[in-house]
C-alpha cells in the first residue's frame, strides 16, 4: 500500500471514530489539504477498486473502510 493511501485511510478512520460518520469527499479533501474534492473522489474510487474501502453511490457519508485484518493475518 502506498504511504499516501495509508494517510487517507487513517484520516477516514480517525474522522469516523471522532464524529460517528465517515467524512464527505469535501471534508476529506479539506482535511488532507487538497483543493479539489473531484481528485479525492478519484483517489477513493481507486482505494475501492483495490478493496480498501466501500462506498454507496450518490450518498453522503458513504465511505466505509473494509476490514482486511483476516486477509493480512492469513497471508503471514
PDB file of N, CA and C in Angstrom:
ATOM      1  N   UNK A   1       0.854  -1.185   0.000  1.00  0.00           N
ATOM      2  CA  UNK A   1       0.000   0.000   0.000  1.00  0.00           C
ATOM      3  C   UNK A   1       0.891   1.236   0.000  1.00  0.00           C
ATOM      4  N   UNK A   2       0.515   2.196  -0.805  1.00  0.00           N
ATOM      5  CA  UNK A   2       1.256   3.457  -0.849  1.00  0.00           C
ATOM      6  C   UNK A   2       1.061   4.215   0.459  1.00  0.00           C
ATOM      7  N   UNK A   3       2.087   4.962   0.849  1.00  0.00           N
ATOM      8  CA  UNK A   3       2.005   5.756   2.075  1.00  0.00           C
ATOM      9  C   UNK A   3       0.887   6.793   2.007  1.00  0.00           C
ATOM     10  N   UNK A   4       0.676   7.382   0.832  1.00  0.00           N
ATOM     11  CA  UNK A   4      -0.373   8.395   0.697  1.00  0.00           C
ATOM     12  C   UNK A   4      -1.763   7.781   0.901  1.00  0.00           C
ATOM     13  N   UNK A   5      -1.950   6.538   0.459  1.00  0.00           N
ATOM     14  CA  UNK A   5      -3.235   5.866   0.665  1.00  0.00           C
ATOM     15  C   UNK A   5      -3.441   5.554   2.131  1.00  0.00           C
ATOM     16  N   UNK A   6      -2.349   5.186   2.827  1.00  0.00           N
ATOM     17  CA  UNK A   6      -2.451   4.908   4.255  1.00  0.00           C
ATOM     18  C   UNK A   6      -2.865   6.162   5.019  1.00  0.00           C
ATOM     19  N   UNK A   7      -2.331   7.302   4.625  1.00  0.00           N
ATOM     20  CA  UNK A   7      -2.701   8.573   5.270  1.00  0.00           C
ATOM     21  C   UNK A   7      -4.193   8.835   5.085  1.00  0.00           C
ATOM     22  N   UNK A   8      -4.698   8.591   3.890  1.00  0.00           N
ATOM     23  CA  UNK A   8      -6.122   8.799   3.611  1.00  0.00           C
ATOM     24  C   UNK A   8      -6.970   7.849   4.442  1.00  0.00           C
ATOM     25  N   UNK A   9      -6.592   6.570   4.478  1.00  0.00           N
ATOM     26  CA  UNK A   9      -7.340   5.597   5.269  1.00  0.00           C
ATOM     27  C   UNK A   9      -7.296   5.936   6.755  1.00  0.00           C
ATOM     28  N   UNK A  10      -6.140   6.379   7.244  1.00  0.00           N
ATOM     29  CA  UNK A  10      -6.028   6.782   8.651  1.00  0.00           C
ATOM     30  C   UNK A  10      -6.920   7.976   8.955  1.00  0.00           C
ATOM     31  N   UNK A  11      -6.996   8.930   8.011  1.00  0.00           N
ATOM     32  CA  UNK A  11      -7.866  10.095   8.201  1.00  0.00           C
ATOM     33  C   UNK A  11      -9.329   9.661   8.264  1.00  0.00           C
ATOM     34  N   UNK A  12      -9.724   8.777   7.355  1.00  0.00           N
ATOM     35  CA  UNK A  12     -11.112   8.298   7.344  1.00  0.00           C
ATOM     36  C   UNK A  12     -11.440   7.595   8.667  1.00  0.00           C
ATOM     37  N   UNK A  13     -10.534   6.740   9.126  1.00  0.00           N
ATOM     38  CA  UNK A  13     -10.744   6.030  10.405  1.00  0.00           C
ATOM     39  C   UNK A  13     -10.889   7.013  11.565  1.00  0.00           C
ATOM     40  N   UNK A  14      -9.958   7.955  11.654  1.00  0.00           N
ATOM     41  CA  UNK A  14      -9.958   8.912  12.770  1.00  0.00           C
ATOM     42  C   UNK A  14     -11.205   9.797  12.736  1.00  0.00           C
ATOM     43  N   UNK A  15     -11.556  10.289  11.561  1.00  0.00           N
ATOM     44  CA  UNK A  15     -12.734  11.153  11.436  1.00  0.00           C
ATOM     45  C   UNK A  15     -13.997  10.388  11.821  1.00  0.00           C
ATOM     46  N   UNK A  16     -14.111   9.155  11.335  1.00  0.00           N
ATOM     47  CA  UNK A  16     -15.286   8.335  11.630  1.00  0.00           C
ATOM     48  C   UNK A  16     -15.388   8.057  13.124  1.00  0.00           C
ATOM     49  N   UNK A  17     -14.274   7.766  13.744  1.00  0.00           N
ATOM     50  CA  UNK A  17     -14.272   7.491  15.180  1.00  0.00           C
ATOM     51  C   UNK A  17     -14.679   8.740  15.975  1.00  0.00           C
ATOM     52  N   UNK A  18     -14.186   9.886  15.570  1.00  0.00           N
ATOM     53  CA  UNK A  18     -14.466  11.139  16.291  1.00  0.00           C
ATOM     54  C   UNK A  18     -15.892  11.630  16.076  1.00  0.00           C
ATOM     55  N   UNK A  19     -16.408  11.528  14.848  1.00  0.00           N
ATOM     56  CA  UNK A  19     -17.700  12.132  14.507  1.00  0.00           C
ATOM     57  C   UNK A  19     -18.850  11.125  14.380  1.00  0.00           C
ATOM     58  N   UNK A  20     -18.528   9.848  14.367  1.00  0.00           N
ATOM     59  CA  UNK A  20     -19.573   8.834  14.259  1.00  0.00           C
ATOM     60  C   UNK A  20     -20.056   8.575  12.846  1.00  0.00           C
ATOM     61  N   UNK A  21     -19.584   9.342  11.893  1.00  0.00           N
ATOM     62  CA  UNK A  21     -19.901   9.151  10.467  1.00  0.00           C
ATOM     63  C   UNK A  21     -18.613   9.365   9.674  1.00  0.00           C
ATOM     64  N   UNK A  22     -18.484   8.715   8.512  1.00  0.00           N
ATOM     65  CA  UNK A  22     -17.292   8.948   7.694  1.00  0.00           C
ATOM     66  C   UNK A  22     -17.326  10.338   7.071  1.00  0.00           C
ATOM     67  N   UNK A  23     -16.171  10.847   6.664  1.00  0.00           N
ATOM     68  CA  UNK A  23     -16.133  12.189   6.061  1.00  0.00           C
ATOM     69  C   UNK A  23     -16.729  12.195   4.653  1.00  0.00           C
ATOM     70  N   UNK A  24     -17.253  13.337   4.269  1.00  0.00           N
ATOM     71  CA  UNK A  24     -17.671  13.522   2.876  1.00  0.00           C
ATOM     72  C   UNK A  24     -16.402  13.753   2.051  1.00  0.00           C
ATOM     73  N   UNK A  25     -16.530  13.730   0.729  1.00  0.00           N
ATOM     74  CA  UNK A  25     -15.367  13.993  -0.122  1.00  0.00           C
ATOM     75  C   UNK A  25     -14.815  15.395   0.133  1.00  0.00           C
ATOM     76  N   UNK A  26     -15.696  16.361   0.348  1.00  0.00           N
ATOM     77  CA  UNK A  26     -15.252  17.734   0.601  1.00  0.00           C
ATOM     78  C   UNK A  26     -14.465  17.821   1.913  1.00  0.00           C
ATOM     79  N   UNK A  27     -14.971  17.193   2.964  1.00  0.00           N
ATOM     80  CA  UNK A  27     -14.271  17.203   4.256  1.00  0.00           C
ATOM     81  C   UNK A  27     -12.948  16.458   4.136  1.00  0.00           C
ATOM     82  N   UNK A  28     -12.957  15.353   3.432  1.00  0.00           N
ATOM     83  CA  UNK A  28     -11.743  14.568   3.235  1.00  0.00           C
ATOM     84  C   UNK A  28     -10.686  15.388   2.491  1.00  0.00           C
ATOM     85  N   UNK A  29     -11.088  16.058   1.425  1.00  0.00           N
ATOM     86  CA  UNK A  29     -10.153  16.887   0.662  1.00  0.00           C
ATOM     87  C   UNK A  29      -9.609  18.024   1.526  1.00  0.00           C
ATOM     88  N   UNK A  30     -10.481  18.698   2.246  1.00  0.00           N
ATOM     89  CA  UNK A  30     -10.045  19.812   3.093  1.00  0.00           C
ATOM     90  C   UNK A  30      -9.111  19.326   4.201  1.00  0.00           C
ATOM     91  N   UNK A  31      -9.466  18.212   4.817  1.00  0.00           N
ATOM     92  CA  UNK A  31      -8.656  17.673   5.907  1.00  0.00           C
ATOM     93  C   UNK A  31      -7.277  17.226   5.463  1.00  0.00           C
ATOM     94  N   UNK A  32      -7.150  16.869   4.208  1.00  0.00           N
ATOM     95  CA  UNK A  32      -5.862  16.417   3.682  1.00  0.00           C
ATOM     96  C   UNK A  32      -5.146  17.501   2.889  1.00  0.00           C
ATOM     97  N   UNK A  33      -5.698  18.722   2.907  1.00  0.00           N
ATOM     98  CA  UNK A  33      -5.046  19.849   2.255  1.00  0.00           C
ATOM     99  C   UNK A  33      -5.161  19.855   0.742  1.00  0.00           C
ATOM    100  N   UNK A  34      -6.191  19.212   0.202  1.00  0.00           N
ATOM    101  CA  UNK A  34      -6.404  19.207  -1.243  1.00  0.00           C
ATOM    102  C   UNK A  34      -7.475  20.237  -1.589  1.00  0.00           C
ATOM    103  N   UNK A  35      -7.367  20.814  -2.760  1.00  0.00           N
ATOM    104  CA  UNK A  35      -8.330  21.838  -3.151  1.00  0.00           C
ATOM    105  C   UNK A  35      -9.551  21.265  -3.858  1.00  0.00           C
ATOM    106  N   UNK A  36      -9.399  20.104  -4.477  1.00  0.00           N
ATOM    107  CA  UNK A  36     -10.479  19.556  -5.294  1.00  0.00           C
ATOM    108  C   UNK A  36     -11.055  18.283  -4.695  1.00  0.00           C
ATOM    109  N   UNK A  37     -12.367  18.294  -4.461  1.00  0.00           N
ATOM    110  CA  UNK A  37     -12.987  17.059  -3.987  1.00  0.00           C
ATOM    111  C   UNK A  37     -13.119  16.055  -5.142  1.00  0.00           C
ATOM    112  N   UNK A  38     -13.021  16.536  -6.365  1.00  0.00           N
ATOM    113  CA  UNK A  38     -13.019  15.632  -7.527  1.00  0.00           C
ATOM    114  C   UNK A  38     -11.797  14.722  -7.521  1.00  0.00           C
ATOM    115  N   UNK A  39     -10.642  15.294  -7.184  1.00  0.00           N
ATOM    116  CA  UNK A  39      -9.433  14.470  -7.067  1.00  0.00           C
ATOM    117  C   UNK A  39      -9.589  13.460  -5.940  1.00  0.00           C
ATOM    118  N   UNK A  40     -10.198  13.886  -4.858  1.00  0.00           N
ATOM    119  CA  UNK A  40     -10.411  12.994  -3.722  1.00  0.00           C
ATOM    120  C   UNK A  40     -11.328  11.845  -4.138  1.00  0.00           C
ATOM    121  N   UNK A  41     -12.340  12.159  -4.936  1.00  0.00           N
ATOM    122  CA  UNK A  41     -13.269  11.148  -5.427  1.00  0.00           C
ATOM    123  C   UNK A  41     -12.518  10.088  -6.232  1.00  0.00           C
ATOM    124  N   UNK A  42     -11.611  10.515  -7.107  1.00  0.00           N
ATOM    125  CA  UNK A  42     -10.830   9.570  -7.912  1.00  0.00           C
ATOM    126  C   UNK A  42      -9.946   8.690  -7.028  1.00  0.00           C
ATOM    127  N   UNK A  43      -9.347   9.280  -6.011  1.00  0.00           N
ATOM    128  CA  UNK A  43      -8.489   8.515  -5.102  1.00  0.00           C
ATOM    129  C   UNK A  43      -9.312   7.483  -4.334  1.00  0.00           C
ATOM    130  N   UNK A  44     -10.474   7.893  -3.841  1.00  0.00           N
ATOM    131  CA  UNK A  44     -11.331   6.964  -3.097  1.00  0.00           C
ATOM    132  C   UNK A  44     -11.798   5.842  -4.014  1.00  0.00           C
ATOM    133  N   UNK A  45     -12.120   6.150  -5.256  1.00  0.00           N
ATOM    134  CA  UNK A  45     -12.527   5.107  -6.207  1.00  0.00           C
ATOM    135  C   UNK A  45     -11.391   4.111  -6.442  1.00  0.00           C
ATOM    136  N   UNK A  46     -10.159   4.590  -6.495  1.00  0.00           N
ATOM    137  CA  UNK A  46      -9.007   3.697  -6.652  1.00  0.00           C
ATOM    138  C   UNK A  46      -8.874   2.806  -5.413  1.00  0.00           C
ATOM    139  N   UNK A  47      -9.034   3.386  -4.229  1.00  0.00           N
ATOM    140  CA  UNK A  47      -8.987   2.597  -2.995  1.00  0.00           C
ATOM    141  C   UNK A  47     -10.105   1.556  -2.975  1.00  0.00           C
ATOM    142  N   UNK A  48     -11.237   1.915  -3.550  1.00  0.00           N
ATOM    143  CA  UNK A  48     -12.359   0.970  -3.633  1.00  0.00           C
ATOM    144  C   UNK A  48     -12.015  -0.188  -4.585  1.00  0.00           C
ATOM    145  N   UNK A  49     -11.422   0.133  -5.725  1.00  0.00           N
ATOM    146  CA  UNK A  49     -11.011  -0.900  -6.680  1.00  0.00           C
ATOM    147  C   UNK A  49     -10.009  -1.868  -6.055  1.00  0.00           C
ATOM    148  N   UNK A  50      -9.147  -1.344  -5.184  1.00  0.00           N
ATOM    149  CA  UNK A  50      -8.131  -2.163  -4.520  1.00  0.00           C
ATOM    150  C   UNK A  50      -8.681  -2.920  -3.316  1.00  0.00           C
ATOM    151  N   UNK A  51      -9.933  -2.629  -2.950  1.00  0.00           N
ATOM    152  CA  UNK A  51     -10.574  -3.359  -1.862  1.00  0.00           C
ATOM    153  C   UNK A  51     -10.350  -2.784  -0.471  1.00  0.00           C
ATOM    154  N   UNK A  52      -9.851  -1.548  -0.378  1.00  0.00           N
ATOM    155  CA  UNK A  52      -9.606  -0.939   0.929  1.00  0.00           C
ATOM    156  C   UNK A  52     -10.835  -0.243   1.509  1.00  0.00           C
ATOM    157  N   UNK A  53     -11.717   0.253   0.641  1.00  0.00           N
ATOM    158  CA  UNK A  53     -12.930   0.938   1.096  1.00  0.00           C
ATOM    159  C   UNK A  53     -14.125   0.491   0.266  1.00  0.00           C
ATOM    160  N   UNK A  54     -15.302   0.759   0.795  1.00  0.00           N
ATOM    161  CA  UNK A  54     -16.552   0.578   0.060  1.00  0.00           C
ATOM    162  C   UNK A  54     -17.299   1.894   0.110  1.00  0.00           C
ATOM    163  N   UNK A  55     -18.046   2.196  -0.946  1.00  0.00           N
ATOM    164  CA  UNK A  55     -18.866   3.407  -0.976  1.00  0.00           C
ATOM    165  C   UNK A  55     -20.252   3.063  -1.504  1.00  0.00           C
ATOM    166  N   UNK A  56     -21.197   3.946  -1.229  1.00  0.00           N
ATOM    167  CA  UNK A  56     -22.539   3.827  -1.781  1.00  0.00           C
ATOM    168  C   UNK A  56     -22.741   5.012  -2.731  1.00  0.00           C
ATOM    169  N   UNK A  57     -23.055   4.732  -3.981  1.00  0.00           N
ATOM    170  CA  UNK A  57     -23.220   5.815  -4.954  1.00  0.00           C
ATOM    171  C   UNK A  57     -24.288   6.822  -4.535  1.00  0.00           C
ATOM    172  N   UNK A  58     -24.002   8.082  -4.782  1.00  0.00           N
ATOM    173  CA  UNK A  58     -24.926   9.201  -4.548  1.00  0.00           C
ATOM    174  C   UNK A  58     -25.382   9.319  -3.085  1.00  0.00           C
ATOM    175  N   UNK A  59     -24.541   8.908  -2.161  1.00  0.00           N
ATOM    176  CA  UNK A  59     -24.873   9.029  -0.738  1.00  0.00           C
ATOM    177  C   UNK A  59     -23.763   9.808  -0.036  1.00  0.00           C
ATOM    178  N   UNK A  60     -24.155  10.748   0.828  1.00  0.00           N
ATOM    179  CA  UNK A  60     -23.175  11.424   1.670  1.00  0.00           C
ATOM    180  C   UNK A  60     -22.748  10.462   2.774  1.00  0.00           C
ATOM    181  N   UNK A  61     -21.561  10.659   3.274  1.00  0.00           N
ATOM    182  CA  UNK A  61     -21.045   9.853   4.389  1.00  0.00           C
ATOM    183  C   UNK A  61     -21.080   8.366   4.065  1.00  0.00           C
ATOM    184  N   UNK A  62     -20.663   8.006   2.860  1.00  0.00           N
ATOM    185  CA  UNK A  62     -20.802   6.612   2.434  1.00  0.00           C
ATOM    186  C   UNK A  62     -19.491   5.841   2.391  1.00  0.00           C
ATOM    187  N   UNK A  63     -18.386   6.465   2.746  1.00  0.00           N
ATOM    188  CA  UNK A  63     -17.098   5.776   2.672  1.00  0.00           C
ATOM    189  C   UNK A  63     -16.947   4.875   3.896  1.00  0.00           C
ATOM    190  N   UNK A  64     -16.721   3.599   3.646  1.00  0.00           N
ATOM    191  CA  UNK A  64     -16.529   2.651   4.748  1.00  0.00           C
ATOM    192  C   UNK A  64     -15.249   1.872   4.496  1.00  0.00           C
ATOM    193  N   UNK A  65     -14.404   1.802   5.504  1.00  0.00           N
ATOM    194  CA  UNK A  65     -13.153   1.059   5.385  1.00  0.00           C
ATOM    195  C   UNK A  65     -13.457  -0.434   5.505  1.00  0.00           C
ATOM    196  N   UNK A  66     -12.885  -1.206   4.613  1.00  0.00           N
ATOM    197  CA  UNK A  66     -13.061  -2.653   4.612  1.00  0.00           C
ATOM    198  C   UNK A  66     -12.052  -3.249   5.585  1.00  0.00           C
ATOM    199  N   UNK A  67     -12.537  -4.110   6.469  1.00  0.00           N
ATOM    200  CA  UNK A  67     -11.662  -4.769   7.440  1.00  0.00           C
ATOM    201  C   UNK A  67     -10.916  -5.894   6.730  1.00  0.00           C
ATOM    202  N   UNK A  68      -9.639  -5.685   6.519  1.00  0.00           N
ATOM    203  CA  UNK A  68      -8.812  -6.682   5.825  1.00  0.00           C
ATOM    204  C   UNK A  68      -7.894  -7.419   6.788  1.00  0.00           C
ATOM    205  N   UNK A  69      -8.141  -7.317   8.086  1.00  0.00           N
ATOM    206  CA  UNK A  69      -7.240  -7.901   9.076  1.00  0.00           C
ATOM    207  C   UNK A  69      -7.149  -9.422   8.932  1.00  0.00           C
ATOM    208  N   UNK A  70      -8.232 -10.083   8.612  1.00  0.00           N
ATOM    209  CA  UNK A  70      -8.195 -11.552   8.472  1.00  0.00           C
ATOM    210  C   UNK A  70      -7.352 -11.927   7.256  1.00  0.00           C
ATOM    211  N   UNK A  71      -7.496 -11.194   6.169  1.00  0.00           N
ATOM    212  CA  UNK A  71      -6.692 -11.467   4.980  1.00  0.00           C
ATOM    213  C   UNK A  71      -5.211 -11.267   5.269  1.00  0.00           C
ATOM    214  N   UNK A  72      -4.901 -10.200   6.031  1.00  0.00           N
ATOM    215  CA  UNK A  72      -3.499  -9.903   6.345  1.00  0.00           C
ATOM    216  C   UNK A  72      -2.908 -10.973   7.263  1.00  0.00           C
ATOM    217  N   UNK A  73      -3.682 -11.449   8.219  1.00  0.00           N
ATOM    218  CA  UNK A  73      -3.185 -12.467   9.134  1.00  0.00           C
ATOM    219  C   UNK A  73      -2.986 -13.801   8.416  1.00  0.00           C
ATOM    220  N   UNK A  74      -3.928 -14.170   7.575  1.00  0.00           N
ATOM    221  CA  UNK A  74      -3.823 -15.453   6.881  1.00  0.00           C
ATOM    222  C   UNK A  74      -2.718 -15.460   5.832  1.00  0.00           C
ATOM    223  N   UNK A  75      -2.267 -14.305   5.399  1.00  0.00           N
ATOM    224  CA  UNK A  75      -1.200 -14.252   4.412  1.00  0.00           C
ATOM    225  C   UNK A  75       0.184 -14.371   5.046  1.00  0.00           C
ATOM    226  N   UNK A  76       0.262 -14.373   6.379  1.00  0.00           N
ATOM    227  CA  UNK A  76       1.561 -14.488   7.056  1.00  0.00           C
ATOM    228  C   UNK A  76       2.145 -15.870   6.962  1.00  0.00           C
TER     229      UNK A  76
END
